[in-house]
Protein backbone atom coordinates (compact mmCIF):
# COMPACT_ATOMS: atom_id res chain seq x y z
CA UNK A 1 193.80 118.13 -38.45
CA UNK A 2 193.78 121.42 -36.72
CA UNK A 3 195.14 119.52 -32.64
CA UNK A 4 193.45 121.44 -29.59
CA UNK A 5 191.61 120.74 -26.72
CA UNK A 6 188.09 118.94 -27.67
CA UNK A 7 185.51 121.36 -25.95
CA UNK A 8 182.60 120.01 -27.66
CA UNK A 9 180.45 116.50 -28.30
CA UNK A 10 181.25 117.89 -32.22
CA UNK A 11 184.56 118.53 -31.91
CA UNK A 12 184.90 115.03 -29.95
CA UNK A 13 183.00 113.43 -33.00
CA UNK A 14 185.10 115.11 -35.57
CA UNK A 15 188.11 114.22 -34.20
CA UNK A 16 186.95 110.66 -33.79
CA UNK A 17 186.45 110.55 -37.64
CA UNK A 18 189.68 111.94 -38.40
CA UNK A 19 191.58 109.47 -36.06
CA UNK A 20 189.64 106.39 -38.32
CA UNK A 21 190.96 107.77 -41.23
CA UNK A 22 194.46 108.07 -40.14
CA UNK A 23 194.43 104.49 -38.76
CA UNK A 24 193.47 103.36 -42.21
CA UNK A 25 196.71 105.47 -43.64
CA UNK A 26 198.74 103.12 -41.22
CA UNK A 27 201.27 106.36 -40.79
CA UNK A 28 204.64 105.11 -39.31
CA UNK A 29 204.59 105.91 -35.52
CA UNK A 30 207.88 108.13 -35.60
CA UNK A 31 206.40 110.34 -38.49
CA UNK A 32 205.20 113.40 -38.65
CA UNK A 33 201.72 112.19 -39.28
CA UNK A 34 202.26 109.41 -36.63
CA UNK A 35 202.79 111.82 -34.09
CA UNK A 36 199.66 113.99 -34.56
CA UNK A 37 197.73 110.48 -34.38
CA UNK A 38 199.28 109.84 -31.02
CA UNK A 39 198.42 113.86 -30.10
CA UNK A 40 194.93 113.10 -31.37
CA UNK A 41 194.43 109.93 -29.19
CA UNK A 42 195.59 112.22 -26.28
CA UNK A 43 193.26 114.60 -26.40
CA UNK A 44 190.55 111.86 -27.06
CA UNK A 45 191.12 110.03 -23.89
CA UNK A 46 191.42 113.51 -21.73
CA UNK A 47 187.86 114.29 -23.18
CA UNK A 48 186.96 110.70 -22.71
CA UNK A 49 188.26 110.75 -19.03
CA UNK A 50 186.02 114.06 -18.03
CA UNK A 51 182.77 113.58 -20.08
CA UNK A 52 182.45 109.57 -20.06
CA UNK A 53 183.70 108.51 -16.71
CA UNK A 54 183.20 104.34 -16.01
CA UNK A 55 182.12 103.79 -12.69
CA UNK A 56 184.35 101.45 -10.80
CA UNK A 57 182.13 98.46 -9.49
CA UNK A 58 184.53 96.63 -7.77
CA UNK A 59 184.55 97.33 -4.07
């Protein structure tokens, strides 16, 4: 997977699909594959924070 910032919904969906496959492979968190997965999750979180905001319903 070419890890770079997610710019479109198509990129986002592709990253989600890739991450699901990686979870099934259960890489060791300290391995290169595990670190790549962690980076992908951070990229997904960043994209979601910008594009899928959760409203604060508690006043």
